[in-house]
N, C-alpha and C. Protein backbone atom coordinates (compact mmCIF):
# COMPACT_ATOMS: atom_id res chain seq x y z
N UNK A 1 -54.13 44.07 0.68
CA UNK A 1 -52.72 44.09 1.11
C UNK A 1 -52.80 43.86 2.51
N UNK A 2 -53.37 44.59 3.50
CA UNK A 2 -53.40 44.51 4.86
C UNK A 2 -53.80 42.85 5.10
N UNK A 3 -54.77 42.40 4.30
CA UNK A 3 -55.69 41.41 4.83
C UNK A 3 -54.73 39.75 4.09
N UNK A 4 -53.46 39.99 3.81
CA UNK A 4 -52.97 39.08 3.04
C UNK A 4 -52.62 37.53 4.18
N UNK A 5 -52.59 36.78 3.25
CA UNK A 5 -52.91 35.52 4.69
C UNK A 5 -51.48 35.40 5.17
N UNK A 6 -51.31 34.46 6.45
CA UNK A 6 -49.77 34.09 7.04
C UNK A 6 -49.28 33.02 6.00
N UNK A 7 -50.10 32.11 5.69
CA UNK A 7 -49.77 31.11 4.35
C UNK A 7 -48.72 32.02 3.27
N UNK A 8 -49.05 32.79 2.79
CA UNK A 8 -48.36 33.13 1.83
C UNK A 8 -47.02 34.04 2.30
N UNK A 9 -47.04 34.80 3.28
CA UNK A 9 -45.77 35.43 4.17
C UNK A 9 -45.03 34.68 4.54
N UNK A 10 -45.47 33.22 4.91
CA UNK A 10 -44.67 31.95 5.43
C UNK A 10 -43.65 31.54 4.38
N UNK A 11 -43.86 31.79 3.04
CA UNK A 11 -43.78 31.55 1.89
C UNK A 11 -42.88 32.69 1.32
N UNK A 12 -42.81 33.86 1.61
CA UNK A 12 -42.14 34.48 1.26
C UNK A 12 -40.93 35.08 2.37
N UNK A 13 -40.90 34.34 3.40
CA UNK A 13 -39.71 34.68 4.84
C UNK A 13 -38.72 34.33 4.16
N UNK A 14 -38.33 33.02 3.32
CA UNK A 14 -37.22 32.84 2.61
C UNK A 14 -36.35 33.76 2.09
N UNK A 15 -37.11 33.88 1.13
CA UNK A 15 -36.89 34.97 -0.02
C UNK A 15 -36.46 36.74 0.72
N UNK A 16 -37.20 36.94 1.85
CA UNK A 16 -37.32 38.40 2.76
C UNK A 16 -35.99 37.96 3.36
N UNK A 17 -35.69 37.13 4.11
CA UNK A 17 -34.43 36.64 4.66
C UNK A 17 -32.90 36.65 4.26
N UNK A 18 -32.91 36.24 2.65
CA UNK A 18 -32.24 35.97 1.99
C UNK A 18 -31.67 37.31 1.12
N UNK A 19 -32.63 38.50 0.81
CA UNK A 19 -32.56 39.58 0.50
C UNK A 19 -32.79 39.82 -0.80
N UNK A 20 -33.57 38.63 -1.63
CA UNK A 20 -33.89 38.50 -3.13
C UNK A 20 -34.89 38.77 -3.01
N UNK A 21 -35.86 39.36 -2.49
CA UNK A 21 -37.32 39.57 -2.82
C UNK A 21 -37.23 41.26 -3.45
N UNK A 22 -38.21 41.81 -4.07
CA UNK A 22 -38.39 43.30 -4.50
C UNK A 22 -38.94 44.13 -3.27
N UNK A 23 -38.39 45.22 -3.25
CA UNK A 23 -38.99 46.29 -2.21
C UNK A 23 -40.36 46.64 -1.98
N UNK A 24 -41.06 46.10 -2.66
CA UNK A 24 -42.43 46.00 -2.59
C UNK A 24 -42.83 44.64 -1.62
N UNK A 25 -42.31 43.31 -1.77
CA UNK A 25 -42.50 41.94 -1.59
C UNK A 25 -41.87 42.63 0.03
N UNK A 26 -40.81 42.97 0.50
CA UNK A 26 -40.39 43.08 1.43
C UNK A 26 -40.92 44.13 2.29
N UNK A 27 -41.60 45.20 1.82
CA UNK A 27 -42.53 46.31 2.93
C UNK A 27 -43.70 45.37 3.16
N UNK A 28 -44.28 44.81 2.22
CA UNK A 28 -45.32 43.83 2.28
C UNK A 28 -45.50 42.76 3.32
N UNK A 29 -44.03 42.11 3.38
CA UNK A 29 -43.49 41.10 4.70
C UNK A 29 -43.48 42.27 5.90
N UNK A 30 -42.71 42.70 5.93
CA UNK A 30 -42.62 43.54 7.19
C UNK A 30 -43.82 44.35 7.28
N UNK A 31 -44.60 45.01 6.92
CA UNK A 31 -46.21 45.71 6.99
C UNK A 31 -47.10 44.17 7.78
N UNK A 32 -46.87 42.88 7.59
CA UNK A 32 -47.62 42.24 8.23
C UNK A 32 -47.11 41.37 9.26
N UNK A 33 -45.70 41.34 9.27
CA UNK A 33 -44.90 40.83 10.78
C UNK A 33 -44.90 41.96 11.67
N UNK A 34 -45.44 42.97 11.33
CA UNK A 34 -45.64 44.19 12.55
C UNK A 34 -46.77 43.89 13.11
N UNK A 35 -47.67 43.01 12.78
CA UNK A 35 -49.21 42.95 13.20
C UNK A 35 -49.19 41.36 13.24
N UNK A 36 -48.21 40.61 13.24
CA UNK A 36 -48.66 39.19 13.50
C UNK A 36 -47.21 38.54 14.05
N UNK A 37 -48.14 37.96 15.73
CA UNK A 37 -47.30 37.63 16.47
C UNK A 37 -46.87 36.46 15.66
N UNK A 38 -47.52 35.29 15.20
CA UNK A 38 -47.48 34.28 14.96
C UNK A 38 -46.38 34.27 13.28
N UNK A 39 -46.05 35.05 12.34
CA UNK A 39 -45.35 35.27 11.64
C UNK A 39 -43.78 35.79 11.88
N UNK A 40 -44.08 36.65 13.53
CA UNK A 40 -42.59 37.03 14.11
C UNK A 40 -42.28 36.26 14.39
N UNK A 41 -42.73 35.27 14.93
CA UNK A 41 -42.27 33.86 15.69
C UNK A 41 -41.58 33.11 14.57
N UNK A 42 -42.59 32.51 13.43
CA UNK A 42 -41.67 32.45 12.20
C UNK A 42 -40.72 32.45 11.82
N UNK A 43 -40.25 33.98 11.69
CA UNK A 43 -39.03 34.93 11.10
C UNK A 43 -37.83 34.04 11.78
N UNK A 44 -38.32 34.22 13.39
CA UNK A 44 -37.36 33.92 14.62
C UNK A 44 -36.82 32.69 14.10
N UNK A 45 -37.93 31.85 14.15
CA UNK A 45 -37.11 30.34 14.24
C UNK A 45 -36.39 30.43 12.95
N UNK A 46 -36.79 30.71 11.85
CA UNK A 46 -35.93 30.41 10.27
C UNK A 46 -34.41 31.31 10.55
N UNK A 47 -34.42 32.28 11.13
CA UNK A 47 -33.25 33.33 11.44
C UNK A 47 -32.86 32.20 12.47
N UNK A 48 -32.97 31.99 13.39
CA UNK A 48 -31.95 30.96 14.46
C UNK A 48 -32.07 29.67 14.17
N UNK A 49 -32.98 29.01 13.83
CA UNK A 49 -32.67 27.25 13.11
C UNK A 49 -31.73 27.21 12.11
N UNK A 50 -31.60 27.75 11.05
CA UNK A 50 -31.10 27.27 10.11
C UNK A 50 -29.66 27.54 10.02
N UNK A 51 -29.19 28.96 10.70
CA UNK A 51 -27.46 28.92 11.01
C UNK A 51 -27.02 27.92 11.99
N UNK A 52 -27.90 27.73 12.94
CA UNK A 52 -27.54 26.29 13.82
C UNK A 52 -26.84 24.92 13.44
N UNK A 53 -28.15 24.66 12.79
CA UNK A 53 -27.75 23.58 11.68
C UNK A 53 -26.67 23.28 11.11
N UNK A 54 -26.67 24.94 9.80
CA UNK A 54 -25.57 24.75 9.28
C UNK A 54 -24.38 24.84 10.12
N UNK A 55 -24.40 25.69 11.45
CA UNK A 55 -22.61 25.59 12.03
C UNK A 55 -22.60 24.57 12.54
N UNK A 56 -23.62 23.85 12.70
CA UNK A 56 -23.26 22.07 13.56
C UNK A 56 -22.79 21.14 12.68
N UNK A 57 -23.24 21.64 11.35
CA UNK A 57 -22.63 20.71 10.20
C UNK A 57 -21.46 21.06 10.25
N UNK A 58 -20.59 22.33 10.26
CA UNK A 58 -19.26 22.85 9.54
C UNK A 58 -18.92 22.18 10.80
N UNK A 59 -19.05 22.18 12.05
CA UNK A 59 -18.46 22.09 13.20
C UNK A 59 -17.92 20.27 12.89
N UNK A 60 -19.28 19.70 12.79
CA UNK A 60 -18.71 18.24 12.31
C UNK A 60 -18.09 17.69 11.40
N UNK A 61 -18.13 18.60 10.09
CA UNK A 61 -17.18 18.03 9.19
C UNK A 61 -15.73 18.99 9.31
N UNK A 62 -15.44 20.06 10.16
CA UNK A 62 -14.17 20.06 10.40
C UNK A 62 -13.36 19.15 11.42
N UNK A 63 -14.46 18.79 12.35
CA UNK A 63 -13.78 17.96 13.52
C UNK A 63 -13.15 16.62 12.61
N UNK A 64 -13.69 16.17 11.66
CA UNK A 64 -13.31 15.09 10.83
C UNK A 64 -12.40 15.15 10.09
N UNK A 65 -12.67 16.43 9.22
CA UNK A 65 -10.98 16.66 8.71
C UNK A 65 -9.77 16.81 9.35
N UNK A 66 -10.14 17.44 10.65
CA UNK A 66 -8.79 17.89 11.31
C UNK A 66 -8.81 16.48 12.01
N UNK A 67 -9.12 15.03 12.06
CA UNK A 67 -9.33 14.03 12.75
C UNK A 67 -8.56 13.34 11.73
N UNK A 68 -8.86 13.08 10.26
CA UNK A 68 -7.96 12.80 9.02
C UNK A 68 -6.72 13.18 9.11
N UNK A 69 -6.77 14.77 8.95
CA UNK A 69 -5.39 15.01 8.68
C UNK A 69 -4.27 14.80 10.07
N UNK A 70 -4.64 15.13 11.17
CA UNK A 70 -3.72 14.29 12.26
C UNK A 70 -3.16 12.90 11.95
N UNK A 71 -4.11 12.10 11.58
CA UNK A 71 -4.13 10.74 11.83
C UNK A 71 -2.77 10.71 10.16
N UNK A 72 -3.39 11.39 9.22
CA UNK A 72 -2.38 11.27 8.05
C UNK A 72 -0.97 11.84 8.68
N UNK A 73 -0.97 12.63 9.21
CA UNK A 73 0.40 13.43 9.98
C UNK A 73 1.37 12.29 10.71
N UNK A 74 0.06 12.14 11.64
CA UNK A 74 1.07 10.83 12.91
C UNK A 74 1.35 9.72 12.29
N UNK A 75 1.21 8.99 11.45
CA UNK A 75 1.40 7.59 10.30
C UNK A 75 2.56 8.33 9.42
N UNK A 76 2.36 9.25 9.12
CA UNK A 76 3.50 10.17 8.40
C UNK A 76 4.93 10.40 8.85
N UNK A 77 4.71 11.05 10.24
CA UNK A 77 5.66 11.22 10.80
C UNK A 77 6.31 10.04 11.29
N UNK A 78 5.65 9.18 11.73
CA UNK A 78 5.98 7.96 12.60
C UNK A 78 6.68 6.57 11.35
N UNK A 79 6.18 6.72 10.01
CA UNK A 79 6.92 6.24 9.28
C UNK A 79 8.34 6.72 8.67
N UNK A 80 8.22 7.62 8.49
CA UNK A 80 9.84 8.58 8.17
C UNK A 80 10.48 8.74 9.98
N UNK A 81 10.06 8.86 10.79
CA UNK A 81 10.98 8.23 12.04
C UNK A 81 11.41 7.32 12.09
N UNK A 82 10.76 6.21 11.62
CA UNK A 82 10.72 4.69 11.70
C UNK A 82 11.92 4.95 10.76
N UNK A 83 12.37 5.34 9.37
CA UNK A 83 13.16 5.29 8.57
C UNK A 83 14.80 5.63 8.94
N UNK A 84 14.29 7.36 9.92
CA UNK A 84 15.33 7.77 10.24
C UNK A 84 16.10 7.20 11.18
N UNK A 85 15.11 6.32 12.11
CA UNK A 85 15.71 5.68 13.56
C UNK A 85 16.87 4.39 12.80
N UNK A 86 16.06 3.83 11.86
CA UNK A 86 16.76 2.68 11.43
C UNK A 86 18.14 2.87 10.61
N UNK A 87 17.99 4.14 9.62
CA UNK A 87 19.36 4.48 9.26
C UNK A 87 20.43 4.45 9.79
N UNK A 88 19.87 5.47 11.25
CA UNK A 88 20.97 5.99 12.64
C UNK A 88 21.56 4.64 13.02
N UNK A 89 20.63 3.76 13.18
CA UNK A 89 20.80 2.10 13.53
C UNK A 89 22.12 1.41 12.94
N UNK A 90 21.57 2.04 11.68
CA UNK A 90 22.88 0.96 10.49
C UNK A 90 24.02 1.28 10.87
N UNK A 91 24.02 3.14 11.00
CA UNK A 91 25.21 3.74 11.39
C UNK A 91 25.97 3.35 12.77
N UNK A 92 25.28 3.35 13.77
CA UNK A 92 25.42 2.76 15.13
C UNK A 92 26.15 1.43 15.01
N UNK A 93 25.04 0.47 14.26
CA UNK A 93 25.89 -0.94 14.19
C UNK A 93 27.01 -1.29 13.37
N UNK A 94 27.33 -0.59 12.38
CA UNK A 94 28.30 -0.49 11.77
C UNK A 94 29.94 -0.01 12.76
N UNK A 95 29.49 1.21 13.59
CA UNK A 95 30.65 1.75 14.35
C UNK A 95 30.68 0.56 15.34
N UNK A 96 29.97 -0.14 16.17
CA UNK A 96 29.74 -1.41 17.09
C UNK A 96 30.58 -2.67 16.64
N UNK A 97 30.10 -2.98 15.06
CA UNK A 97 30.63 -4.32 14.66
C UNK A 97 32.30 -3.79 14.53
N UNK A 98 32.71 -2.43 14.12
CA UNK A 98 33.72 -1.87 14.05
C UNK A 98 35.04 -2.75 15.42
N UNK A 99 34.27 -1.56 16.73
CA UNK A 99 35.00 -1.51 17.89
C UNK A 99 34.84 -2.65 18.61
N UNK A 100 33.90 -3.57 18.04
CA UNK A 100 34.12 -5.08 18.52
C UNK A 100 35.66 -6.04 18.28
N UNK A 101 35.37 -5.74 16.82
CA UNK A 101 36.59 -6.18 16.34
C UNK A 101 37.80 -5.71 16.74
N UNK A 102 37.99 -4.43 16.78
CA UNK A 102 38.92 -3.57 17.08
C UNK A 102 39.34 -4.55 18.86
N UNK A 103 38.36 -4.49 19.76
CA UNK A 103 38.60 -4.90 21.33
C UNK A 103 39.06 -6.40 20.72
N UNK A 104 38.11 -7.52 19.92
CA UNK A 104 38.36 -8.48 19.86
C UNK A 104 40.12 -8.61 19.50
N UNK A 105 40.46 -8.09 18.58
CA UNK A 105 41.68 -8.54 18.16
C UNK A 105 42.90 -7.91 19.31
N UNK A 106 42.53 -6.37 20.21
CA UNK A 106 43.34 -6.27 21.44
C UNK A 106 43.23 -7.64 22.08
N UNK A 107 42.18 -7.76 22.65
CA UNK A 107 42.02 -9.03 23.38
C UNK A 107 43.08 -10.17 23.27
N UNK A 108 43.10 -10.75 21.60
CA UNK A 108 43.90 -11.94 21.59
C UNK A 108 45.59 -10.96 21.44
N UNK A 109 45.88 -10.36 20.89
CA UNK A 109 46.95 -9.87 20.91
C UNK A 109 47.91 -9.27 22.25
N UNK A 110 46.86 -8.89 23.43
CA UNK A 110 47.63 -8.70 24.69
C UNK A 110 46.96 -9.25 25.53
N UNK A 111 46.19 -10.34 25.16
CA UNK A 111 45.68 -10.98 26.30
C UNK A 111 45.21 -10.79 27.40
N UNK A 112 44.54 -9.52 27.42
CA UNK A 112 43.91 -8.55 28.01
C UNK A 112 42.72 -9.21 28.59
N UNK A 113 42.20 -9.63 29.78
CA UNK A 113 40.55 -9.92 29.68
C UNK A 113 39.99 -8.32 29.42
N UNK A 114 40.25 -7.46 29.79
CA UNK A 114 38.86 -6.20 30.24
C UNK A 114 38.73 -5.68 28.52
N UNK A 115 39.61 -6.14 27.74
CA UNK A 115 39.49 -6.04 25.92
C UNK A 115 38.22 -6.66 26.02
N UNK A 116 38.55 -8.34 26.57
CA UNK A 116 37.43 -9.32 26.32
C UNK A 116 35.71 -8.63 26.86
N UNK A 117 35.99 -8.52 27.54
CA UNK A 117 34.45 -7.80 28.76
C UNK A 117 33.83 -6.82 28.32
N UNK A 118 34.97 -5.57 27.34
CA UNK A 118 34.18 -4.48 26.68
C UNK A 118 33.38 -4.81 25.40
N UNK A 119 34.19 -5.82 24.71
CA UNK A 119 33.84 -6.22 23.72
C UNK A 119 32.09 -7.02 23.97
N UNK A 120 32.22 -7.92 25.07
CA UNK A 120 31.20 -8.29 25.34
C UNK A 120 29.93 -7.39 26.02
N UNK A 121 30.71 -6.48 26.49
CA UNK A 121 29.25 -5.10 26.95
C UNK A 121 29.11 -4.37 25.64
N UNK A 122 29.72 -4.40 24.74
CA UNK A 122 29.29 -3.58 23.76
C UNK A 122 28.37 -4.18 22.94
N UNK A 123 28.61 -5.34 22.43
CA UNK A 123 27.43 -6.48 22.11
C UNK A 123 26.23 -6.55 22.89
N UNK A 124 26.29 -6.60 24.18
CA UNK A 124 24.97 -6.78 24.65
C UNK A 124 24.47 -5.37 24.59
N UNK A 125 25.00 -4.14 24.94
CA UNK A 125 24.31 -2.77 24.53
C UNK A 125 23.46 -2.95 23.24
N UNK A 126 24.61 -3.62 22.17
CA UNK A 126 23.79 -3.32 20.72
C UNK A 126 22.82 -4.40 20.38
N UNK A 127 22.38 -5.69 21.37
CA UNK A 127 21.43 -6.40 20.96
C UNK A 127 20.30 -5.37 22.17
N UNK A 128 20.56 -4.87 22.78
CA UNK A 128 19.45 -4.33 23.46
C UNK A 128 18.94 -3.24 22.72
N UNK A 129 19.34 -2.37 21.99
CA UNK A 129 19.14 -1.41 20.77
C UNK A 129 18.04 -1.94 20.25
N UNK A 130 18.80 -3.42 19.37
CA UNK A 130 17.96 -3.74 18.48
C UNK A 130 16.84 -4.36 18.50
N UNK A 131 16.61 -5.21 19.72
CA UNK A 131 15.64 -5.74 20.39
C UNK A 131 14.75 -4.23 20.49
N UNK A 132 14.89 -3.15 21.05
CA UNK A 132 14.13 -1.69 21.33
C UNK A 132 13.54 -1.37 19.65
N UNK A 133 14.51 -1.51 18.81
CA UNK A 133 13.78 -1.21 17.32
C UNK A 133 13.12 -1.75 16.86
N UNK A 134 13.38 -3.20 16.71
CA UNK A 134 12.49 -4.25 16.62
C UNK A 134 11.11 -4.37 16.70
N UNK A 135 11.02 -3.89 18.21
CA UNK A 135 9.52 -3.94 18.90
C UNK A 135 9.11 -2.19 18.12
N UNK A 136 9.76 -1.28 18.01
CA UNK A 136 9.29 -0.17 17.66
C UNK A 136 8.66 -0.18 16.32
N UNK A 137 9.46 -0.64 15.46
CA UNK A 137 9.46 -0.90 13.89
C UNK A 137 7.69 -1.73 13.71
N UNK A 138 7.59 -2.56 14.63
CA UNK A 138 6.34 -3.37 14.80
C UNK A 138 5.28 -3.14 14.97
N UNK A 139 5.41 -2.33 15.80
CA UNK A 139 4.17 -1.62 16.53
C UNK A 139 3.52 -0.41 16.09
N UNK A 140 4.44 -0.27 14.91
CA UNK A 140 4.06 1.38 14.78
C UNK A 140 2.79 1.13 13.20
N UNK A 141 1.85 1.93 12.56
CA UNK A 141 0.68 1.57 12.02
C UNK A 141 1.34 2.01 10.35
N UNK A 142 0.84 1.38 9.60
CA UNK A 142 0.94 1.18 8.02
C UNK A 142 0.47 2.96 7.91
N UNK A 143 1.26 3.59 6.95
CA UNK A 143 1.36 4.92 6.91
C UNK A 143 0.85 4.83 5.18
N UNK A 144 1.07 6.03 4.60
CA UNK A 144 0.64 6.67 3.51
C UNK A 144 1.67 5.76 2.32
N UNK A 145 1.06 5.77 0.83
CA UNK A 145 2.27 4.80 0.33
C UNK A 145 3.80 5.37 -0.15
N UNK A 146 3.69 6.71 -0.14
CA UNK A 146 5.15 7.51 -0.10
C UNK A 146 5.77 6.94 1.47
N UNK A 147 5.34 6.65 1.90
CA UNK A 147 5.80 6.31 3.31
C UNK A 147 6.46 4.90 3.50
N UNK A 148 5.24 4.08 2.59
CA UNK A 148 5.75 2.99 2.92
C UNK A 148 7.11 2.41 1.30
N UNK A 149 6.93 3.30 0.64
CA UNK A 149 8.40 3.41 -0.27
C UNK A 149 9.06 3.50 0.61
N UNK A 150 9.09 4.64 1.34
CA UNK A 150 10.57 5.31 1.80
C UNK A 150 10.90 4.12 2.79
N UNK A 151 10.27 3.25 3.44
CA UNK A 151 10.34 2.67 4.55
C UNK A 151 11.00 1.05 3.95
N UNK A 152 10.80 0.92 2.59
CA UNK A 152 11.21 -0.20 1.79
C UNK A 152 12.14 0.26 1.31
N UNK A 153 12.94 1.40 0.99
CA UNK A 153 14.28 1.72 0.63
C UNK A 153 15.31 1.50 1.79
N UNK A 154 14.64 2.03 2.90
CA UNK A 154 15.64 2.08 4.12
C UNK A 154 15.64 0.87 5.10
N UNK A 155 14.37 0.16 4.95
CA UNK A 155 14.15 -0.80 5.82
C UNK A 155 14.25 -2.48 5.11
N UNK A 156 12.92 -2.21 4.45
CA UNK A 156 12.69 -3.64 3.89
C UNK A 156 14.04 -3.82 3.16
N UNK A 157 14.76 -3.32 1.88
CA UNK A 157 15.99 -3.90 1.37
C UNK A 157 16.90 -4.18 1.73
N UNK A 158 17.25 -3.11 2.93
CA UNK A 158 18.75 -3.45 3.60
C UNK A 158 18.85 -4.62 4.07
N UNK A 159 17.32 -4.73 4.84
CA UNK A 159 17.30 -6.11 5.86
C UNK A 159 17.43 -7.44 5.23
N UNK A 160 17.23 -7.42 3.88
CA UNK A 160 16.86 -8.45 3.01
C UNK A 160 18.50 -8.77 2.83
N UNK A 161 18.98 -7.58 2.20
CA UNK A 161 20.44 -8.26 1.72
C UNK A 161 21.15 -8.16 3.11
N UNK A 162 20.99 -8.00 4.24
CA UNK A 162 22.02 -8.80 5.10
C UNK A 162 21.87 -10.10 5.53
N UNK A 163 20.22 -10.23 5.60
CA UNK A 163 19.66 -11.54 5.82
C UNK A 163 20.51 -12.63 5.17
N UNK A 164 20.66 -12.34 3.37
CA UNK A 164 21.02 -13.57 2.71
C UNK A 164 22.69 -12.56 2.39
N UNK A 165 23.06 -12.08 3.06
CA UNK A 165 24.54 -11.74 3.04
C UNK A 165 25.59 -12.91 2.52
N UNK A 166 24.97 -14.03 3.18
CA UNK A 166 26.37 -15.39 2.72
C UNK A 166 26.01 -15.45 1.53
N UNK A 167 25.16 -14.85 0.76
CA UNK A 167 25.39 -15.71 -1.18
C UNK A 167 25.81 -14.51 -1.51
N UNK A 168 25.92 -13.40 -0.93
CA UNK A 168 26.18 -12.23 -1.93
C UNK A 168 27.61 -11.96 -1.38
N UNK A 169 27.92 -12.53 -0.15
CA UNK A 169 29.43 -12.10 0.04
C UNK A 169 31.08 -12.03 -1.08
N UNK A 170 30.54 -13.56 -1.83
CA UNK A 170 32.00 -12.98 -2.60
C UNK A 170 31.61 -12.47 -3.80
N UNK A 171 30.40 -11.93 -3.81
CA UNK A 171 30.33 -10.90 -4.59
C UNK A 171 30.85 -9.50 -4.50
N UNK A 172 31.06 -9.38 -3.60
CA UNK A 172 31.33 -8.04 -3.04
C UNK A 172 32.92 -7.63 -3.31
N UNK A 173 33.20 -6.51 -4.46
CA UNK A 173 34.63 -6.39 -4.85
C UNK A 173 35.50 -5.94 -4.20
N UNK A 174 35.00 -5.10 -3.04
CA UNK A 174 35.64 -4.07 -2.45
C UNK A 174 36.43 -5.09 -0.65
N UNK A 175 37.75 -5.46 -1.05
CA UNK A 175 38.35 -5.98 -0.03
C UNK A 175 38.22 -5.97 1.29
N UNK A 176 38.19 -4.39 1.56
CA UNK A 176 38.00 -4.17 3.23
C UNK A 176 36.65 -4.75 3.55
N UNK A 177 35.55 -4.35 2.59
CA UNK A 177 34.35 -4.42 2.73
C UNK A 177 33.99 -5.87 3.18
N UNK A 178 34.39 -6.51 2.30
CA UNK A 178 34.17 -8.31 2.44
C UNK A 178 34.67 -8.56 3.39
N UNK A 179 35.99 -8.21 3.83
CA UNK A 179 36.92 -8.51 5.36
C UNK A 179 36.00 -8.04 6.42
N UNK A 180 35.23 -7.20 6.34
CA UNK A 180 34.70 -6.97 7.44
C UNK A 180 33.57 -7.46 7.64
N UNK A 181 32.47 -7.73 6.69
CA UNK A 181 31.20 -8.78 6.65
C UNK A 181 31.85 -10.34 6.46
N UNK A 182 33.05 -10.69 6.55
CA UNK A 182 33.20 -12.07 6.59
C UNK A 182 33.62 -12.09 8.46
N UNK A 183 34.00 -11.28 8.91
CA UNK A 183 34.03 -11.15 10.45
C UNK A 183 32.97 -11.09 10.91
N UNK A 184 32.29 -10.16 10.50
CA UNK A 184 30.83 -10.06 11.08
C UNK A 184 29.37 -11.04 10.50
N UNK A 185 29.54 -11.61 9.65
CA UNK A 185 28.67 -12.20 9.00
C UNK A 185 27.57 -12.96 10.27
N UNK A 186 27.71 -13.01 11.06
CA UNK A 186 26.52 -13.93 11.82
C UNK A 186 25.53 -12.83 12.45
N UNK A 187 26.72 -11.23 12.45
CA UNK A 187 26.06 -10.41 13.63
C UNK A 187 25.08 -10.06 12.33
N UNK A 188 25.56 -9.57 11.41
CA UNK A 188 24.56 -9.27 9.84
C UNK A 188 23.65 -9.61 9.82
N UNK A 189 23.68 -10.92 9.52
CA UNK A 189 22.94 -11.82 9.42
C UNK A 189 21.60 -11.80 10.16
N UNK A 190 21.91 -12.02 11.50
CA UNK A 190 20.72 -11.91 12.38
C UNK A 190 20.23 -10.54 12.52
N UNK A 191 20.87 -9.53 12.42
CA UNK A 191 20.11 -7.98 12.50
C UNK A 191 18.97 -8.14 11.30
N UNK A 192 19.90 -8.65 9.97
CA UNK A 192 18.81 -8.43 8.96
C UNK A 192 17.42 -9.26 8.96
N UNK A 193 17.78 -10.29 9.99
CA UNK A 193 16.34 -11.62 10.26
C UNK A 193 15.75 -11.10 11.15
N UNK A 194 15.73 -10.16 11.95
CA UNK A 194 14.86 -9.74 12.69
C UNK A 194 14.40 -8.33 12.20
N UNK A 195 14.89 -7.80 11.17
CA UNK A 195 14.42 -6.25 10.60
C UNK A 195 13.42 -7.11 9.67
N UNK A 196 13.78 -7.94 8.85
CA UNK A 196 12.97 -8.48 7.59
C UNK A 196 11.72 -9.12 8.17
N UNK A 197 11.83 -10.22 9.44
CA UNK A 197 11.06 -10.79 9.86
C UNK A 197 10.18 -9.63 10.73
N UNK A 198 10.65 -8.32 10.95
CA UNK A 198 9.18 -7.26 11.60
C UNK A 198 8.58 -6.76 10.26
N UNK A 199 9.09 -6.93 9.30
CA UNK A 199 8.18 -5.84 8.03
C UNK A 199 7.32 -7.10 7.69
N UNK A 200 7.78 -8.20 7.51
CA UNK A 200 6.98 -9.18 7.03
C UNK A 200 5.62 -9.60 7.65
N UNK A 201 5.78 -9.41 9.60
CA UNK A 201 4.63 -9.21 10.22
C UNK A 201 3.89 -8.10 10.05
N UNK A 202 4.15 -6.91 9.65
CA UNK A 202 3.84 -5.82 9.60
C UNK A 202 2.92 -5.80 8.20
N UNK A 203 3.74 -6.51 7.06
CA UNK A 203 2.68 -6.24 5.75
C UNK A 203 1.88 -7.80 5.95
N UNK A 204 1.50 -8.74 6.95
CA UNK A 204 0.86 -9.48 6.82
C UNK A 204 -0.49 -9.16 7.64
N UNK A 205 0.09 -8.62 8.56
CA UNK A 205 -0.92 -7.52 9.67
C UNK A 205 -2.16 -6.69 8.93
N UNK A 206 -0.74 -5.93 8.24
CA UNK A 206 -1.80 -4.93 7.28
C UNK A 206 -2.67 -5.54 6.30
N UNK A 207 -2.07 -6.64 5.61
CA UNK A 207 -3.20 -7.20 4.92
C UNK A 207 -4.34 -7.91 5.17
N UNK A 208 -4.43 -8.17 6.70
CA UNK A 208 -5.50 -8.70 7.39
C UNK A 208 -6.36 -7.94 7.61
N UNK A 209 -5.92 -6.89 8.10
CA UNK A 209 -6.57 -5.44 8.49
C UNK A 209 -7.54 -4.70 7.32
N UNK A 210 -7.16 -5.10 6.09
CA UNK A 210 -7.79 -4.61 4.87
C UNK A 210 -8.95 -5.36 4.66
N UNK A 211 -8.99 -6.92 4.96
CA UNK A 211 -9.74 -7.76 4.83
C UNK A 211 -11.09 -7.60 5.78
C-alpha cells in the first residue's frame, strides 16, 4: 500500500477531488500525498486549473449572452420608440394642418399679413420636424419580427395610404374628413411619400445586409 505508484494516484486524483471514491481509496491517496511532493503538486494543479477554465468559459458565455440581450433590447426599444414617435408625429401634423387651414382662412377673410406669416412659420417648423423624423427612421437598425409588425402597422401602412390618398379621397364617406384631406392633399401626399420612401430604403438595406 505504501509503495503504490504515482501513476495510479494520478488516476485517482479526479475521483478524490470530486469526493466519489471510497473511504479506503481516499485514505490511500491522502497517505501517498503526504509523502510525495509530485502528487501534491499535481493535486494543486487539478484544483486550481479546472475551476479557472470553467470560470473563464462561464464569464465568456455570460458576456456573450448579455451582449445579445442588450442588442435585442436596444433594437426593440428603438423600433417601439420609432412607432410611438411616428404616431405622435401624425397627431402633431393633424394639429398643424388644422391650424394652418385656420390661419389661411383668417388671412383671406381679414387680409392681415400676420396670419400668412404665422401659417408659413408653422408649416416650416412642421417640415423641419418631418425631416428629423425621416432621418431618425432611416437610421435605426432592423429589430425583431414583433417590432417589424408594429412599425408596419404604425408607419408602413399609414405612409402607403397617405402617399396614394388622391386615389382613395373620393371613397371617404365622412364629409368633414374628406374636406380636410382635400384642402391638405399635397401636404399629406408629401409626408406619406417621405415616410414610405424611408421604409422602402430600410427594407432594401436590410435585405442587402442579410446577403
